[in-house]
Amino acid sequence: MTFYGFAGFDGRTVLPVIVQPRIANAHPATKIMIDTYMAALGFEKPDIIKHKGSSLC
């Protein structure tokens, strides 16, 4: 990765711009691959029934 510069909005948040080389032979991850990876990091899938009354659903 290479630091390219900064971006921001008129005195508000300043964000770094990072450039990453193209990844050869890249392919999209499946839902199972993503779920497995996230579970390995310690994330838990939300229970839809538990969150039914939430404004997030």
N, C-alpha and C. Protein backbone atom coordinates (compact mmCIF):
# COMPACT_ATOMS: atom_id res chain seq x y z
N MET A 1 0.83 -1.18 0.00
CA MET A 1 0.00 0.00 0.00
C MET A 1 0.88 1.24 0.00
N THR A 2 0.36 2.28 -0.63
CA THR A 2 1.09 3.53 -0.72
C THR A 2 0.19 4.68 -0.28
N PHE A 3 0.72 5.54 0.55
CA PHE A 3 -0.01 6.74 0.94
C PHE A 3 0.03 7.70 -0.23
N TYR A 4 -1.15 8.18 -0.65
CA TYR A 4 -1.24 9.04 -1.82
C TYR A 4 -1.46 10.50 -1.44
N GLY A 5 -2.23 10.75 -0.38
CA GLY A 5 -2.51 12.12 0.03
C GLY A 5 -3.67 12.16 1.00
N PHE A 6 -4.29 13.32 1.12
CA PHE A 6 -5.43 13.49 2.00
C PHE A 6 -6.64 13.97 1.21
N ALA A 7 -7.82 13.63 1.69
CA ALA A 7 -9.08 14.14 1.14
C ALA A 7 -9.89 14.66 2.31
N GLY A 8 -10.72 15.63 2.06
CA GLY A 8 -11.53 16.17 3.14
C GLY A 8 -12.63 17.05 2.60
N PHE A 9 -13.47 17.52 3.51
CA PHE A 9 -14.60 18.34 3.12
C PHE A 9 -14.57 19.67 3.86
N ASP A 10 -14.09 20.70 3.22
CA ASP A 10 -14.19 22.08 3.69
C ASP A 10 -13.97 22.26 5.19
N GLY A 11 -12.82 21.84 5.69
CA GLY A 11 -12.49 22.04 7.10
C GLY A 11 -13.06 21.00 8.04
N ARG A 12 -13.78 20.02 7.52
CA ARG A 12 -14.32 18.96 8.37
C ARG A 12 -13.35 17.78 8.41
N THR A 13 -13.84 16.59 8.38
CA THR A 13 -13.03 15.39 8.50
C THR A 13 -11.97 15.31 7.40
N VAL A 14 -10.76 14.96 7.80
CA VAL A 14 -9.66 14.74 6.86
C VAL A 14 -9.39 13.23 6.81
N LEU A 15 -9.37 12.68 5.60
CA LEU A 15 -9.19 11.24 5.42
C LEU A 15 -7.95 10.96 4.58
N PRO A 16 -7.16 9.94 4.96
CA PRO A 16 -6.01 9.58 4.14
C PRO A 16 -6.47 8.83 2.88
N VAL A 17 -5.75 9.03 1.79
CA VAL A 17 -6.02 8.31 0.56
C VAL A 17 -4.88 7.31 0.38
N ILE A 18 -5.24 6.02 0.35
CA ILE A 18 -4.26 4.94 0.25
C ILE A 18 -4.47 4.23 -1.10
N VAL A 19 -3.40 3.91 -1.76
CA VAL A 19 -3.47 3.18 -3.03
C VAL A 19 -2.92 1.78 -2.82
N GLN A 20 -3.66 0.79 -3.32
CA GLN A 20 -3.22 -0.61 -3.19
C GLN A 20 -3.03 -1.17 -4.60
N PRO A 21 -1.95 -1.93 -4.80
CA PRO A 21 -1.75 -2.53 -6.12
C PRO A 21 -2.89 -3.49 -6.47
N ARG A 22 -3.15 -3.63 -7.75
CA ARG A 22 -4.18 -4.56 -8.22
C ARG A 22 -3.80 -5.97 -7.80
N ILE A 23 -4.80 -6.72 -7.37
CA ILE A 23 -4.56 -8.10 -6.95
C ILE A 23 -4.85 -9.01 -8.14
N ALA A 24 -3.83 -9.72 -8.61
CA ALA A 24 -3.99 -10.62 -9.75
C ALA A 24 -4.84 -11.82 -9.34
N ASN A 25 -5.68 -12.28 -10.23
CA ASN A 25 -6.53 -13.46 -10.04
C ASN A 25 -7.48 -13.32 -8.85
N ALA A 26 -7.92 -12.10 -8.56
CA ALA A 26 -8.86 -11.89 -7.46
C ALA A 26 -10.24 -12.41 -7.85
N HIS A 27 -10.99 -12.88 -6.87
CA HIS A 27 -12.36 -13.32 -7.11
C HIS A 27 -13.21 -12.98 -5.90
N PRO A 28 -14.49 -12.74 -6.09
CA PRO A 28 -15.36 -12.38 -4.96
C PRO A 28 -15.48 -13.53 -3.96
N ALA A 29 -15.62 -13.17 -2.69
CA ALA A 29 -15.82 -14.18 -1.65
C ALA A 29 -17.29 -14.59 -1.62
N THR A 30 -17.54 -15.85 -1.28
CA THR A 30 -18.92 -16.32 -1.12
C THR A 30 -19.42 -15.90 0.25
N LYS A 31 -20.74 -15.97 0.46
CA LYS A 31 -21.33 -15.62 1.75
C LYS A 31 -20.78 -16.54 2.85
N ILE A 32 -20.59 -17.80 2.55
CA ILE A 32 -20.05 -18.76 3.54
C ILE A 32 -18.62 -18.37 3.92
N MET A 33 -17.82 -17.98 2.94
CA MET A 33 -16.43 -17.56 3.23
C MET A 33 -16.42 -16.34 4.13
N ILE A 34 -17.30 -15.37 3.85
CA ILE A 34 -17.37 -14.16 4.67
C ILE A 34 -17.83 -14.48 6.08
N ASP A 35 -18.89 -15.29 6.20
CA ASP A 35 -19.41 -15.68 7.52
C ASP A 35 -18.34 -16.40 8.35
N THR A 36 -17.61 -17.30 7.72
CA THR A 36 -16.56 -18.05 8.41
C THR A 36 -15.45 -17.12 8.88
N TYR A 37 -15.03 -16.20 8.02
CA TYR A 37 -13.97 -15.25 8.37
C TYR A 37 -14.40 -14.34 9.52
N MET A 38 -15.60 -13.80 9.43
CA MET A 38 -16.09 -12.90 10.47
C MET A 38 -16.25 -13.62 11.81
N ALA A 39 -16.71 -14.88 11.78
CA ALA A 39 -16.84 -15.67 13.01
C ALA A 39 -15.46 -15.92 13.61
N ALA A 40 -14.45 -16.16 12.77
CA ALA A 40 -13.09 -16.38 13.27
C ALA A 40 -12.52 -15.12 13.93
N LEU A 41 -13.00 -13.95 13.51
CA LEU A 41 -12.58 -12.69 14.13
C LEU A 41 -13.35 -12.38 15.41
N GLY A 42 -14.37 -13.20 15.70
CA GLY A 42 -15.13 -13.01 16.93
C GLY A 42 -16.47 -12.32 16.76
N PHE A 43 -16.84 -12.00 15.54
CA PHE A 43 -18.14 -11.36 15.31
C PHE A 43 -19.24 -12.40 15.37
N GLU A 44 -20.40 -11.99 15.84
CA GLU A 44 -21.57 -12.87 15.90
C GLU A 44 -22.64 -12.32 14.99
N LYS A 45 -23.35 -13.23 14.29
CA LYS A 45 -24.45 -12.81 13.43
C LYS A 45 -25.61 -12.36 14.31
N PRO A 46 -26.24 -11.25 13.97
CA PRO A 46 -27.39 -10.81 14.77
C PRO A 46 -28.57 -11.75 14.58
N ASP A 47 -29.34 -11.91 15.62
CA ASP A 47 -30.54 -12.73 15.57
C ASP A 47 -31.67 -11.86 15.03
N ILE A 48 -32.20 -12.20 13.87
CA ILE A 48 -33.23 -11.38 13.21
C ILE A 48 -34.46 -11.23 14.11
N ILE A 49 -34.90 -12.30 14.76
CA ILE A 49 -36.07 -12.24 15.62
C ILE A 49 -35.81 -11.30 16.80
N LYS A 50 -34.63 -11.37 17.37
CA LYS A 50 -34.25 -10.53 18.50
C LYS A 50 -34.28 -9.05 18.12
N HIS A 51 -33.93 -8.74 16.88
CA HIS A 51 -33.83 -7.36 16.43
C HIS A 51 -35.06 -6.90 15.64
N LYS A 52 -36.13 -7.69 15.65
CA LYS A 52 -37.29 -7.40 14.81
C LYS A 52 -37.86 -6.00 15.06
N GLY A 53 -37.89 -5.56 16.30
CA GLY A 53 -38.44 -4.25 16.61
C GLY A 53 -37.44 -3.11 16.41
N SER A 54 -36.22 -3.46 16.05
CA SER A 54 -35.16 -2.46 15.88
C SER A 54 -35.37 -1.70 14.58
N SER A 55 -34.93 -0.45 14.56
CA SER A 55 -35.02 0.34 13.33
C SER A 55 -33.93 -0.07 12.33
N LEU A 56 -33.01 -0.96 12.75
CA LEU A 56 -31.93 -1.39 11.86
C LEU A 56 -32.39 -2.47 10.89
N CYS A 57 -33.51 -3.12 11.14
CA CYS A 57 -33.98 -4.20 10.27
C CYS A 57 -34.96 -3.70 9.25
